[in-house]
């Protein structure tokens, strides 16, 4: 990917290179010098593509290093890195996982009713 200046690309003719504000009328492009008629966005795209090709050809391209993203390991709730350190109320992660595994699971299709007299 390459960054190309887009200034005046909507006013410049892709055929003859003539630049004038009167070349563009809303969505239509009509060159006052050579008579080229085209959709304004199509003409501007041709101009930008030509500028990019010219930059590559003239070796004016500046290669930027890619940004690298480092992923960090998530910390525990207490902000500590070690998973064996007790968290909240003296319960370690392993003990909490064991407690969760022992909890009865809700069966599919089972319904609960509210106690009568409430």
PDB file of N, CA and C in Angstrom:
ATOM      1  N   UNK A   1       0.849  -1.161   0.000  1.00  0.00           N
ATOM      2  CA  UNK A   1       0.000   0.000   0.000  1.00  0.00           C
ATOM      3  C   UNK A   1       0.897   1.227   0.000  1.00  0.00           C
ATOM      4  N   UNK A   2       0.416   2.246  -0.661  1.00  0.00           N
ATOM      5  CA  UNK A   2       1.236   3.412  -0.922  1.00  0.00           C
ATOM      6  C   UNK A   2       0.381   4.648  -0.731  1.00  0.00           C
ATOM      7  N   UNK A   3       0.932   5.677  -0.119  1.00  0.00           N
ATOM      8  CA  UNK A   3       0.192   6.914   0.117  1.00  0.00           C
ATOM      9  C   UNK A   3       0.518   7.901  -0.995  1.00  0.00           C
ATOM     10  N   UNK A   4      -0.522   8.303  -1.745  1.00  0.00           N
ATOM     11  CA  UNK A   4      -0.372   9.179  -2.898  1.00  0.00           C
ATOM     12  C   UNK A   4      -1.134  10.468  -2.633  1.00  0.00           C
ATOM     13  N   UNK A   5      -0.542  11.640  -2.919  1.00  0.00           N
ATOM     14  CA  UNK A   5      -1.278  12.888  -2.714  1.00  0.00           C
ATOM     15  C   UNK A   5      -2.437  13.001  -3.703  1.00  0.00           C
ATOM     16  N   UNK A   6      -3.616  13.319  -3.195  1.00  0.00           N
ATOM     17  CA  UNK A   6      -4.815  13.378  -4.032  1.00  0.00           C
ATOM     18  C   UNK A   6      -5.204  14.810  -4.390  1.00  0.00           C
ATOM     19  N   UNK A   7      -4.371  15.788  -4.075  1.00  0.00           N
ATOM     20  CA  UNK A   7      -4.708  17.189  -4.314  1.00  0.00           C
ATOM     21  C   UNK A   7      -4.942  17.459  -5.800  1.00  0.00           C
ATOM     22  N   UNK A   8      -6.055  18.112  -6.089  1.00  0.00           N
ATOM     23  CA  UNK A   8      -6.452  18.526  -7.441  1.00  0.00           C
ATOM     24  C   UNK A   8      -6.690  17.357  -8.400  1.00  0.00           C
ATOM     25  N   UNK A   9      -6.816  16.146  -7.896  1.00  0.00           N
ATOM     26  CA  UNK A   9      -7.058  15.009  -8.787  1.00  0.00           C
ATOM     27  C   UNK A   9      -8.446  15.075  -9.419  1.00  0.00           C
ATOM     28  N   UNK A  10      -9.377  15.779  -8.790  1.00  0.00           N
ATOM     29  CA  UNK A  10     -10.716  15.886  -9.371  1.00  0.00           C
ATOM     30  C   UNK A  10     -10.789  16.964 -10.445  1.00  0.00           C
ATOM     31  N   UNK A  11      -9.753  17.793 -10.563  1.00  0.00           N
ATOM     32  CA  UNK A  11      -9.739  18.873 -11.553  1.00  0.00           C
ATOM     33  C   UNK A  11      -8.754  18.606 -12.688  1.00  0.00           C
ATOM     34  N   UNK A  12      -7.932  17.575 -12.558  1.00  0.00           N
ATOM     35  CA  UNK A  12      -6.903  17.271 -13.555  1.00  0.00           C
ATOM     36  C   UNK A  12      -7.411  16.242 -14.547  1.00  0.00           C
ATOM     37  N   UNK A  13      -7.108  16.439 -15.810  1.00  0.00           N
ATOM     38  CA  UNK A  13      -7.531  15.516 -16.863  1.00  0.00           C
ATOM     39  C   UNK A  13      -6.575  14.323 -16.915  1.00  0.00           C
ATOM     40  N   UNK A  14      -7.146  13.127 -16.983  1.00  0.00           N
ATOM     41  CA  UNK A  14      -6.311  11.918 -17.031  1.00  0.00           C
ATOM     42  C   UNK A  14      -5.734  11.676 -18.423  1.00  0.00           C
ATOM     43  N   UNK A  15      -6.232  12.368 -19.438  1.00  0.00           N
ATOM     44  CA  UNK A  15      -5.710  12.196 -20.787  1.00  0.00           C
ATOM     45  C   UNK A  15      -4.585  13.188 -21.077  1.00  0.00           C
ATOM     46  N   UNK A  16      -4.853  14.502 -20.891  1.00  0.00           N
ATOM     47  CA  UNK A  16      -3.864  15.508 -21.297  1.00  0.00           C
ATOM     48  C   UNK A  16      -3.147  16.172 -20.127  1.00  0.00           C
ATOM     49  N   UNK A  17      -3.648  16.014 -18.895  1.00  0.00           N
ATOM     50  CA  UNK A  17      -2.994  16.583 -17.725  1.00  0.00           C
ATOM     51  C   UNK A  17      -3.399  18.004 -17.415  1.00  0.00           C
ATOM     52  N   UNK A  18      -4.326  18.580 -18.158  1.00  0.00           N
ATOM     53  CA  UNK A  18      -4.788  19.948 -17.927  1.00  0.00           C
ATOM     54  C   UNK A  18      -5.553  20.017 -16.611  1.00  0.00           C
ATOM     55  N   UNK A  19      -5.185  20.994 -15.763  1.00  0.00           N
ATOM     56  CA  UNK A  19      -5.845  21.164 -14.475  1.00  0.00           C
ATOM     57  C   UNK A  19      -6.561  22.505 -14.453  1.00  0.00           C
ATOM     58  N   UNK A  20      -7.871  22.455 -14.175  1.00  0.00           N
ATOM     59  CA  UNK A  20      -8.670  23.686 -14.105  1.00  0.00           C
ATOM     60  C   UNK A  20      -9.921  23.372 -13.283  1.00  0.00           C
ATOM     61  N   UNK A  21     -10.343  24.301 -12.388  1.00  0.00           N
ATOM     62  CA  UNK A  21     -11.547  24.039 -11.586  1.00  0.00           C
ATOM     63  C   UNK A  21     -12.807  23.856 -12.429  1.00  0.00           C
ATOM     64  N   UNK A  22     -12.845  24.439 -13.626  1.00  0.00           N
ATOM     65  CA  UNK A  22     -14.011  24.309 -14.488  1.00  0.00           C
ATOM     66  C   UNK A  22     -14.141  22.950 -15.150  1.00  0.00           C
ATOM     67  N   UNK A  23     -13.128  22.105 -15.036  1.00  0.00           N
ATOM     68  CA  UNK A  23     -13.189  20.765 -15.617  1.00  0.00           C
ATOM     69  C   UNK A  23     -14.229  19.891 -14.918  1.00  0.00           C
ATOM     70  N   UNK A  24     -14.497  20.182 -13.658  1.00  0.00           N
ATOM     71  CA  UNK A  24     -15.398  19.333 -12.872  1.00  0.00           C
ATOM     72  C   UNK A  24     -16.724  20.042 -12.671  1.00  0.00           C
ATOM     73  N   UNK A  25     -17.799  19.338 -12.994  1.00  0.00           N
ATOM     74  CA  UNK A  25     -19.138  19.848 -12.768  1.00  0.00           C
ATOM     75  C   UNK A  25     -19.928  18.751 -12.060  1.00  0.00           C
ATOM     76  N   UNK A  26     -20.052  18.871 -10.765  1.00  0.00           N
ATOM     77  CA  UNK A  26     -20.727  17.875  -9.913  1.00  0.00           C
ATOM     78  C   UNK A  26     -20.084  16.503 -10.120  1.00  0.00           C
ATOM     79  N   UNK A  27     -20.810  15.535 -10.672  1.00  0.00           N
ATOM     80  CA  UNK A  27     -20.275  14.184 -10.859  1.00  0.00           C
ATOM     81  C   UNK A  27     -19.699  13.956 -12.257  1.00  0.00           C
ATOM     82  N   UNK A  28     -19.766  14.947 -13.111  1.00  0.00           N
ATOM     83  CA  UNK A  28     -19.233  14.822 -14.477  1.00  0.00           C
ATOM     84  C   UNK A  28     -17.909  15.556 -14.590  1.00  0.00           C
ATOM     85  N   UNK A  29     -16.997  14.976 -15.321  1.00  0.00           N
ATOM     86  CA  UNK A  29     -15.719  15.607 -15.620  1.00  0.00           C
ATOM     87  C   UNK A  29     -15.678  15.849 -17.124  1.00  0.00           C
ATOM     88  N   UNK A  30     -15.408  17.102 -17.518  1.00  0.00           N
ATOM     89  CA  UNK A  30     -15.288  17.453 -18.938  1.00  0.00           C
ATOM     90  C   UNK A  30     -14.085  18.368 -19.090  1.00  0.00           C
ATOM     91  N   UNK A  31     -13.024  17.847 -19.698  1.00  0.00           N
ATOM     92  CA  UNK A  31     -11.792  18.625 -19.871  1.00  0.00           C
ATOM     93  C   UNK A  31     -12.029  19.749 -20.876  1.00  0.00           C
ATOM     94  N   UNK A  32     -11.611  20.954 -20.510  1.00  0.00           N
ATOM     95  CA  UNK A  32     -11.787  22.127 -21.376  1.00  0.00           C
ATOM     96  C   UNK A  32     -10.759  22.156 -22.498  1.00  0.00           C
ATOM     97  N   UNK A  33      -9.670  21.414 -22.349  1.00  0.00           N
ATOM     98  CA  UNK A  33      -8.625  21.426 -23.374  1.00  0.00           C
ATOM     99  C   UNK A  33      -8.827  20.319 -24.415  1.00  0.00           C
ATOM    100  N   UNK A  34      -8.916  19.048 -23.978  1.00  0.00           N
ATOM    101  CA  UNK A  34      -8.980  17.935 -24.943  1.00  0.00           C
ATOM    102  C   UNK A  34     -10.389  17.397 -25.156  1.00  0.00           C
ATOM    103  N   UNK A  35     -11.349  17.779 -24.300  1.00  0.00           N
ATOM    104  CA  UNK A  35     -12.734  17.353 -24.483  1.00  0.00           C
ATOM    105  C   UNK A  35     -13.081  16.014 -23.862  1.00  0.00           C
ATOM    106  N   UNK A  36     -12.201  15.422 -23.064  1.00  0.00           N
ATOM    107  CA  UNK A  36     -12.490  14.139 -22.416  1.00  0.00           C
ATOM    108  C   UNK A  36     -13.696  14.308 -21.495  1.00  0.00           C
ATOM    109  N   UNK A  37     -14.653  13.395 -21.582  1.00  0.00           N
ATOM    110  CA  UNK A  37     -15.803  13.374 -20.696  1.00  0.00           C
ATOM    111  C   UNK A  37     -15.845  12.031 -19.990  1.00  0.00           C
ATOM    112  N   UNK A  38     -15.976  12.074 -18.665  1.00  0.00           N
ATOM    113  CA  UNK A  38     -16.007  10.850 -17.865  1.00  0.00           C
ATOM    114  C   UNK A  38     -16.660  11.151 -16.525  1.00  0.00           C
ATOM    115  N   UNK A  39     -16.941  10.109 -15.784  1.00  0.00           N
ATOM    116  CA  UNK A  39     -17.417  10.289 -14.408  1.00  0.00           C
ATOM    117  C   UNK A  39     -16.257  10.869 -13.603  1.00  0.00           C
ATOM    118  N   UNK A  40     -16.548  11.833 -12.747  1.00  0.00           N
ATOM    119  CA  UNK A  40     -15.491  12.543 -12.020  1.00  0.00           C
ATOM    120  C   UNK A  40     -14.652  11.606 -11.152  1.00  0.00           C
ATOM    121  N   UNK A  41     -15.284  10.646 -10.486  1.00  0.00           N
ATOM    122  CA  UNK A  41     -14.540   9.724  -9.620  1.00  0.00           C
ATOM    123  C   UNK A  41     -13.642   8.796 -10.431  1.00  0.00           C
ATOM    124  N   UNK A  42     -14.094   8.375 -11.605  1.00  0.00           N
ATOM    125  CA  UNK A  42     -13.285   7.515 -12.468  1.00  0.00           C
ATOM    126  C   UNK A  42     -12.042   8.253 -12.947  1.00  0.00           C
ATOM    127  N   UNK A  43     -12.222   9.492 -13.355  1.00  0.00           N
ATOM    128  CA  UNK A  43     -11.091  10.293 -13.810  1.00  0.00           C
ATOM    129  C   UNK A  43     -10.096  10.513 -12.667  1.00  0.00           C
ATOM    130  N   UNK A  44     -10.597  10.849 -11.470  1.00  0.00           N
ATOM    131  CA  UNK A  44      -9.726  11.073 -10.318  1.00  0.00           C
ATOM    132  C   UNK A  44      -8.972   9.798  -9.943  1.00  0.00           C
ATOM    133  N   UNK A  45      -9.624   8.644 -10.046  1.00  0.00           N
ATOM    134  CA  UNK A  45      -8.961   7.371  -9.741  1.00  0.00           C
ATOM    135  C   UNK A  45      -7.814   7.107 -10.709  1.00  0.00           C
ATOM    136  N   UNK A  46      -8.026   7.448 -11.990  1.00  0.00           N
ATOM    137  CA  UNK A  46      -6.952   7.283 -12.978  1.00  0.00           C
ATOM    138  C   UNK A  46      -5.770   8.190 -12.656  1.00  0.00           C
ATOM    139  N   UNK A  47      -6.048   9.410 -12.217  1.00  0.00           N
ATOM    140  CA  UNK A  47      -4.991  10.364 -11.852  1.00  0.00           C
ATOM    141  C   UNK A  47      -4.192   9.829 -10.665  1.00  0.00           C
ATOM    142  N   UNK A  48      -4.885   9.377  -9.639  1.00  0.00           N
ATOM    143  CA  UNK A  48      -4.208   8.876  -8.435  1.00  0.00           C
ATOM    144  C   UNK A  48      -3.394   7.631  -8.759  1.00  0.00           C
ATOM    145  N   UNK A  49      -3.931   6.739  -9.584  1.00  0.00           N
ATOM    146  CA  UNK A  49      -3.184   5.540  -9.982  1.00  0.00           C
ATOM    147  C   UNK A  49      -1.924   5.931 -10.751  1.00  0.00           C
ATOM    148  N   UNK A  50      -2.045   6.898 -11.641  1.00  0.00           N
ATOM    149  CA  UNK A  50      -0.882   7.357 -12.402  1.00  0.00           C
ATOM    150  C   UNK A  50       0.181   7.982 -11.520  1.00  0.00           C
ATOM    151  N   UNK A  51      -0.264   8.739 -10.511  1.00  0.00           N
ATOM    152  CA  UNK A  51       0.702   9.332  -9.568  1.00  0.00           C
ATOM    153  C   UNK A  51       1.424   8.246  -8.781  1.00  0.00           C
ATOM    154  N   UNK A  52       0.687   7.219  -8.367  1.00  0.00           N
ATOM    155  CA  UNK A  52       1.309   6.117  -7.627  1.00  0.00           C
ATOM    156  C   UNK A  52       2.317   5.369  -8.475  1.00  0.00           C
ATOM    157  N   UNK A  53       1.975   5.109  -9.730  1.00  0.00           N
ATOM    158  CA  UNK A  53       2.899   4.427 -10.633  1.00  0.00           C
ATOM    159  C   UNK A  53       4.144   5.279 -10.852  1.00  0.00           C
ATOM    160  N   UNK A  54       3.942   6.597 -10.972  1.00  0.00           N
ATOM    161  CA  UNK A  54       5.078   7.506 -11.133  1.00  0.00           C
ATOM    162  C   UNK A  54       5.994   7.512  -9.925  1.00  0.00           C
ATOM    163  N   UNK A  55       5.409   7.435  -8.723  1.00  0.00           N
ATOM    164  CA  UNK A  55       6.224   7.403  -7.504  1.00  0.00           C
ATOM    165  C   UNK A  55       7.058   6.134  -7.438  1.00  0.00           C
ATOM    166  N   UNK A  56       6.468   5.014  -7.820  1.00  0.00           N
ATOM    167  CA  UNK A  56       7.207   3.750  -7.803  1.00  0.00           C
ATOM    168  C   UNK A  56       8.306   3.779  -8.865  1.00  0.00           C
ATOM    169  N   UNK A  57       7.960   4.261 -10.055  1.00  0.00           N
ATOM    170  CA  UNK A  57       8.916   4.319 -11.157  1.00  0.00           C
ATOM    171  C   UNK A  57      10.101   5.230 -10.815  1.00  0.00           C
ATOM    172  N   UNK A  58       9.830   6.372 -10.178  1.00  0.00           N
ATOM    173  CA  UNK A  58      10.883   7.329  -9.827  1.00  0.00           C
ATOM    174  C   UNK A  58      11.564   7.004  -8.506  1.00  0.00           C
ATOM    175  N   UNK A  59      11.169   5.900  -7.904  1.00  0.00           N
ATOM    176  CA  UNK A  59      11.721   5.427  -6.624  1.00  0.00           C
ATOM    177  C   UNK A  59      11.586   6.466  -5.527  1.00  0.00           C
ATOM    178  N   UNK A  60      10.437   7.112  -5.474  1.00  0.00           N
ATOM    179  CA  UNK A  60      10.136   8.088  -4.423  1.00  0.00           C
ATOM    180  C   UNK A  60       9.265   7.477  -3.334  1.00  0.00           C
ATOM    181  N   UNK A  61       9.226   6.183  -3.288  1.00  0.00           N
ATOM    182  CA  UNK A  61       8.400   5.483  -2.320  1.00  0.00           C
ATOM    183  C   UNK A  61       9.184   5.317  -1.029  1.00  0.00           C
ATOM    184  N   UNK A  62       8.572   5.688   0.066  1.00  0.00           N
ATOM    185  CA  UNK A  62       9.180   5.518   1.383  1.00  0.00           C
ATOM    186  C   UNK A  62       8.515   4.310   2.028  1.00  0.00           C
ATOM    187  N   UNK A  63       9.301   3.315   2.328  1.00  0.00           N
ATOM    188  CA  UNK A  63       8.777   2.096   2.935  1.00  0.00           C
ATOM    189  C   UNK A  63       8.786   2.283   4.442  1.00  0.00           C
ATOM    190  N   UNK A  64       7.616   2.180   5.029  1.00  0.00           N
ATOM    191  CA  UNK A  64       7.500   2.295   6.484  1.00  0.00           C
ATOM    192  C   UNK A  64       7.482   0.903   7.092  1.00  0.00           C
ATOM    193  N   UNK A  65       8.073   0.799   8.264  1.00  0.00           N
ATOM    194  CA  UNK A  65       8.055  -0.481   8.970  1.00  0.00           C
ATOM    195  C   UNK A  65       6.639  -0.744   9.467  1.00  0.00           C
ATOM    196  N   UNK A  66       6.231  -1.992   9.418  1.00  0.00           N
ATOM    197  CA  UNK A  66       4.904  -2.348   9.909  1.00  0.00           C
ATOM    198  C   UNK A  66       4.860  -2.234  11.409  1.00  0.00           C
ATOM    199  N   UNK A  67       3.747  -1.751  11.905  1.00  0.00           N
ATOM    200  CA  UNK A  67       3.572  -1.687  13.349  1.00  0.00           C
ATOM    201  C   UNK A  67       3.355  -3.091  13.873  1.00  0.00           C
ATOM    202  N   UNK A  68       4.026  -3.405  14.933  1.00  0.00           N
ATOM    203  CA  UNK A  68       3.868  -4.713  15.545  1.00  0.00           C
ATOM    204  C   UNK A  68       3.085  -4.550  16.829  1.00  0.00           C
ATOM    205  N   UNK A  69       2.231  -5.462  17.078  1.00  0.00           N
ATOM    206  CA  UNK A  69       1.397  -5.417  18.269  1.00  0.00           C
ATOM    207  C   UNK A  69       1.827  -6.546  19.190  1.00  0.00           C
ATOM    208  N   UNK A  70       2.140  -6.192  20.402  1.00  0.00           N
ATOM    209  CA  UNK A  70       2.532  -7.197  21.386  1.00  0.00           C
ATOM    210  C   UNK A  70       1.309  -7.559  22.227  1.00  0.00           C
ATOM    211  N   UNK A  71       1.130  -8.829  22.458  1.00  0.00           N
ATOM    212  CA  UNK A  71       0.027  -9.285  23.279  1.00  0.00           C
ATOM    213  C   UNK A  71       0.546  -9.556  24.684  1.00  0.00           C
ATOM    214  N   UNK A  72      -0.193  -9.062  25.648  1.00  0.00           N
ATOM    215  CA  UNK A  72       0.202  -9.291  27.042  1.00  0.00           C
ATOM    216  C   UNK A  72      -0.677 -10.373  27.642  1.00  0.00           C
ATOM    217  N   UNK A  73      -0.093 -11.051  28.586  1.00  0.00           N
ATOM    218  CA  UNK A  73      -0.851 -12.046  29.319  1.00  0.00           C
ATOM    219  C   UNK A  73      -1.759 -11.320  30.287  1.00  0.00           C
ATOM    220  N   UNK A  74      -2.991 -11.754  30.385  1.00  0.00           N
ATOM    221  CA  UNK A  74      -3.927 -11.097  31.286  1.00  0.00           C
ATOM    222  C   UNK A  74      -3.539 -11.349  32.730  1.00  0.00           C
ATOM    223  N   UNK A  75      -3.683 -10.321  33.524  1.00  0.00           N
ATOM    224  CA  UNK A  75      -3.391 -10.437  34.953  1.00  0.00           C
ATOM    225  C   UNK A  75      -4.633 -10.972  35.661  1.00  0.00           C
ATOM    226  N   UNK A  76      -4.446 -11.490  36.863  1.00  0.00           N
ATOM    227  CA  UNK A  76      -5.567 -11.977  37.652  1.00  0.00           C
ATOM    228  C   UNK A  76      -6.341 -10.790  38.208  1.00  0.00           C
ATOM    229  N   UNK A  77      -7.439 -11.060  38.871  1.00  0.00           N
ATOM    230  CA  UNK A  77      -8.286  -9.991  39.406  1.00  0.00           C
ATOM    231  C   UNK A  77      -7.543  -9.113  40.402  1.00  0.00           C
ATOM    232  N   UNK A  78      -6.644  -9.696  41.154  1.00  0.00           N
ATOM    233  CA  UNK A  78      -5.896  -8.933  42.149  1.00  0.00           C
ATOM    234  C   UNK A  78      -4.726  -8.194  41.519  1.00  0.00           C
ATOM    235  N   UNK A  79      -4.503  -8.376  40.218  1.00  0.00           N
ATOM    236  CA  UNK A  79      -3.416  -7.699  39.535  1.00  0.00           C
ATOM    237  C   UNK A  79      -2.097  -8.439  39.622  1.00  0.00           C
ATOM    238  N   UNK A  80      -2.137  -9.690  40.013  1.00  0.00           N
ATOM    239  CA  UNK A  80      -0.923 -10.479  40.157  1.00  0.00           C
ATOM    240  C   UNK A  80      -0.770 -11.402  38.960  1.00  0.00           C
ATOM    241  N   UNK A  81       0.454 -11.679  38.562  1.00  0.00           N
ATOM    242  CA  UNK A  81       0.719 -12.490  37.382  1.00  0.00           C
ATOM    243  C   UNK A  81       0.568 -13.981  37.639  1.00  0.00           C
ATOM    244  N   UNK A  82       0.873 -14.448  38.829  1.00  0.00           N
ATOM    245  CA  UNK A  82       0.881 -15.877  39.105  1.00  0.00           C
ATOM    246  C   UNK A  82      -0.533 -16.397  39.363  1.00  0.00           C
ATOM    247  N   UNK A  83      -0.943 -17.480  38.691  1.00  0.00           N
ATOM    248  CA  UNK A  83      -2.281 -18.015  38.921  1.00  0.00           C
ATOM    249  C   UNK A  83      -2.410 -18.762  40.234  1.00  0.00           C
ATOM    250  N   UNK A  84      -1.309 -19.055  40.926  1.00  0.00           N
ATOM    251  CA  UNK A  84      -1.366 -19.807  42.178  1.00  0.00           C
ATOM    252  C   UNK A  84      -1.502 -18.905  43.399  1.00  0.00           C
ATOM    253  N   UNK A  85      -1.462 -17.613  43.231  1.00  0.00           N
ATOM    254  CA  UNK A  85      -1.581 -16.681  44.342  1.00  0.00           C
ATOM    255  C   UNK A  85      -3.054 -16.554  44.704  1.00  0.00           C
ATOM    256  N   UNK A  86      -3.382 -16.588  45.987  1.00  0.00           N
ATOM    257  CA  UNK A  86      -4.784 -16.488  46.388  1.00  0.00           C
ATOM    258  C   UNK A  86      -5.424 -15.196  45.881  1.00  0.00           C
ATOM    259  N   UNK A  87      -6.688 -15.320  45.474  1.00  0.00           N
ATOM    260  CA  UNK A  87      -7.428 -14.182  44.949  1.00  0.00           C
ATOM    261  C   UNK A  87      -8.750 -14.079  45.683  1.00  0.00           C
ATOM    262  N   UNK A  88      -9.118 -12.904  46.128  1.00  0.00           N
ATOM    263  CA  UNK A  88     -10.398 -12.605  46.773  1.00  0.00           C
ATOM    264  C   UNK A  88     -10.800 -13.638  47.832  1.00  0.00           C
ATOM    265  N   UNK A  89     -10.662 -13.289  49.040  1.00  0.00           N
ATOM    266  CA  UNK A  89     -11.130 -14.113  50.143  1.00  0.00           C
ATOM    267  C   UNK A  89     -10.300 -15.363  50.396  1.00  0.00           C
ATOM    268  N   UNK A  90      -9.073 -15.398  49.934  1.00  0.00           N
ATOM    269  CA  UNK A  90      -8.200 -16.514  50.225  1.00  0.00           C
ATOM    270  C   UNK A  90      -8.466 -17.757  49.388  1.00  0.00           C
ATOM    271  N   UNK A  91      -9.201 -17.664  48.317  1.00  0.00           N
ATOM    272  CA  UNK A  91      -9.469 -18.812  47.459  1.00  0.00           C
ATOM    273  C   UNK A  91      -8.561 -18.711  46.237  1.00  0.00           C
ATOM    274  N   UNK A  92      -7.802 -19.770  45.971  1.00  0.00           N
ATOM    275  CA  UNK A  92      -6.930 -19.758  44.797  1.00  0.00           C
ATOM    276  C   UNK A  92      -7.746 -20.056  43.550  1.00  0.00           C
ATOM    277  N   UNK A  93      -7.168 -19.824  42.413  1.00  0.00           N
ATOM    278  CA  UNK A  93      -7.865 -20.087  41.152  1.00  0.00           C
ATOM    279  C   UNK A  93      -8.229 -21.560  41.017  1.00  0.00           C
ATOM    280  N   UNK A  94      -7.308 -22.437  41.375  1.00  0.00           N
ATOM    281  CA  UNK A  94      -7.562 -23.869  41.249  1.00  0.00           C
ATOM    282  C   UNK A  94      -8.726 -24.310  42.139  1.00  0.00           C
ATOM    283  N   UNK A  95      -8.781 -23.752  43.348  1.00  0.00           N
ATOM    284  CA  UNK A  95      -9.887 -24.094  44.256  1.00  0.00           C
ATOM    285  C   UNK A  95     -11.205 -23.565  43.700  1.00  0.00           C
ATOM    286  N   UNK A  96     -11.184 -22.377  43.137  1.00  0.00           N
ATOM    287  CA  UNK A  96     -12.410 -21.801  42.577  1.00  0.00           C
ATOM    288  C   UNK A  96     -12.900 -22.633  41.394  1.00  0.00           C
ATOM    289  N   UNK A  97     -11.991 -23.093  40.552  1.00  0.00           N
ATOM    290  CA  UNK A  97     -12.374 -23.931  39.418  1.00  0.00           C
ATOM    291  C   UNK A  97     -12.972 -25.248  39.897  1.00  0.00           C
ATOM    292  N   UNK A  98     -12.398 -25.824  40.965  1.00  0.00           N
ATOM    293  CA  UNK A  98     -12.913 -27.078  41.507  1.00  0.00           C
ATOM    294  C   UNK A  98     -14.316 -26.870  42.073  1.00  0.00           C
ATOM    295  N   UNK A  99     -14.546 -25.736  42.745  1.00  0.00           N
ATOM    296  CA  UNK A  99     -15.869 -25.440  43.298  1.00  0.00           C
ATOM    297  C   UNK A  99     -16.904 -25.284  42.182  1.00  0.00           C
ATOM    298  N   UNK A 100     -16.512 -24.638  41.111  1.00  0.00           N
ATOM    299  CA  UNK A 100     -17.429 -24.437  39.996  1.00  0.00           C
ATOM    300  C   UNK A 100     -17.759 -25.770  39.337  1.00  0.00           C
ATOM    301  N   UNK A 101     -16.780 -26.651  39.241  1.00  0.00           N
ATOM    302  CA  UNK A 101     -16.999 -27.956  38.614  1.00  0.00           C
ATOM    303  C   UNK A 101     -17.968 -28.810  39.431  1.00  0.00           C
ATOM    304  N   UNK A 102     -18.022 -28.603  40.749  1.00  0.00           N
ATOM    305  CA  UNK A 102     -18.884 -29.398  41.611  1.00  0.00           C
ATOM    306  C   UNK A 102     -20.319 -28.862  41.662  1.00  0.00           C
ATOM    307  N   UNK A 103     -20.556 -27.665  41.181  1.00  0.00           N
ATOM    308  CA  UNK A 103     -21.898 -27.078  41.215  1.00  0.00           C
ATOM    309  C   UNK A 103     -22.818 -27.853  40.290  1.00  0.00           C
ATOM    310  N   UNK A 104     -24.054 -28.109  40.737  1.00  0.00           N
ATOM    311  CA  UNK A 104     -24.995 -28.809  39.851  1.00  0.00           C
ATOM    312  C   UNK A 104     -25.385 -27.891  38.686  1.00  0.00           C
ATOM    313  N   UNK A 105     -25.469 -28.488  37.529  1.00  0.00           N
ATOM    314  CA  UNK A 105     -25.823 -27.712  36.345  1.00  0.00           C
ATOM    315  C   UNK A 105     -27.314 -27.803  36.100  1.00  0.00           C
ATOM    316  N   UNK A 106     -27.847 -26.749  35.529  1.00  0.00           N
ATOM    317  CA  UNK A 106     -29.261 -26.701  35.215  1.00  0.00           C
ATOM    318  C   UNK A 106     -29.527 -27.626  34.029  1.00  0.00           C
ATOM    319  N   UNK A 107     -30.519 -28.486  34.184  1.00  0.00           N
ATOM    320  CA  UNK A 107     -30.845 -29.418  33.119  1.00  0.00           C
ATOM    321  C   UNK A 107     -31.704 -28.716  32.087  1.00  0.00           C
ATOM    322  N   UNK A 108     -31.527 -29.124  30.834  1.00  0.00           N
ATOM    323  CA  UNK A 108     -32.320 -28.529  29.765  1.00  0.00           C
ATOM    324  C   UNK A 108     -33.776 -28.938  29.925  1.00  0.00           C
ATOM    325  N   UNK A 109     -34.660 -27.980  29.720  1.00  0.00           N
ATOM    326  CA  UNK A 109     -36.084 -28.265  29.795  1.00  0.00           C
ATOM    327  C   UNK A 109     -36.629 -28.222  31.205  1.00  0.00           C
ATOM    328  N   UNK A 110     -35.770 -28.151  32.211  1.00  0.00           N
ATOM    329  CA  UNK A 110     -36.248 -28.102  33.588  1.00  0.00           C
ATOM    330  C   UNK A 110     -36.758 -26.703  33.891  1.00  0.00           C
ATOM    331  N   UNK A 111     -37.871 -26.627  34.589  1.00  0.00           N
ATOM    332  CA  UNK A 111     -38.429 -25.326  34.950  1.00  0.00           C
ATOM    333  C   UNK A 111     -38.414 -25.197  36.449  1.00  0.00           C
ATOM    334  N   UNK A 112     -38.309 -23.980  36.880  1.00  0.00           N
ATOM    335  CA  UNK A 112     -38.344 -23.728  38.328  1.00  0.00           C
ATOM    336  C   UNK A 112     -39.607 -22.940  38.613  1.00  0.00           C
ATOM    337  N   UNK A 113     -40.187 -23.194  39.768  1.00  0.00           N
ATOM    338  CA  UNK A 113     -41.393 -22.475  40.168  1.00  0.00           C
ATOM    339  C   UNK A 113     -41.109 -21.693  41.412  1.00  0.00           C
ATOM    340  N   UNK A 114     -41.786 -20.590  41.532  1.00  0.00           N
ATOM    341  CA  UNK A 114     -41.619 -19.757  42.710  1.00  0.00           C
ATOM    342  C   UNK A 114     -42.365 -20.414  43.871  1.00  0.00           C
ATOM    343  N   UNK A 115     -41.831 -20.295  45.095  1.00  0.00           N
ATOM    344  CA  UNK A 115     -42.512 -20.896  46.249  1.00  0.00           C
ATOM    345  C   UNK A 115     -43.888 -20.232  46.432  1.00  0.00           C
ATOM    346  N   UNK A 116     -44.853 -21.032  46.834  1.00  0.00           N
ATOM    347  CA  UNK A 116     -46.210 -20.491  47.021  1.00  0.00           C
ATOM    348  C   UNK A 116     -46.261 -19.640  48.274  1.00  0.00           C
ATOM    349  N   UNK A 117     -47.149 -18.671  48.243  1.00  0.00           N
ATOM    350  CA  UNK A 117     -47.312 -17.788  49.399  1.00  0.00           C
ATOM    351  C   UNK A 117     -46.400 -16.597  49.359  1.00  0.00           C
ATOM    352  N   UNK A 118     -45.770 -16.335  48.247  1.00  0.00           N
ATOM    353  CA  UNK A 118     -44.867 -15.182  48.152  1.00  0.00           C
ATOM    354  C   UNK A 118     -45.606 -14.008  47.613  1.00  0.00           C
TER     355      UNK A 118
END
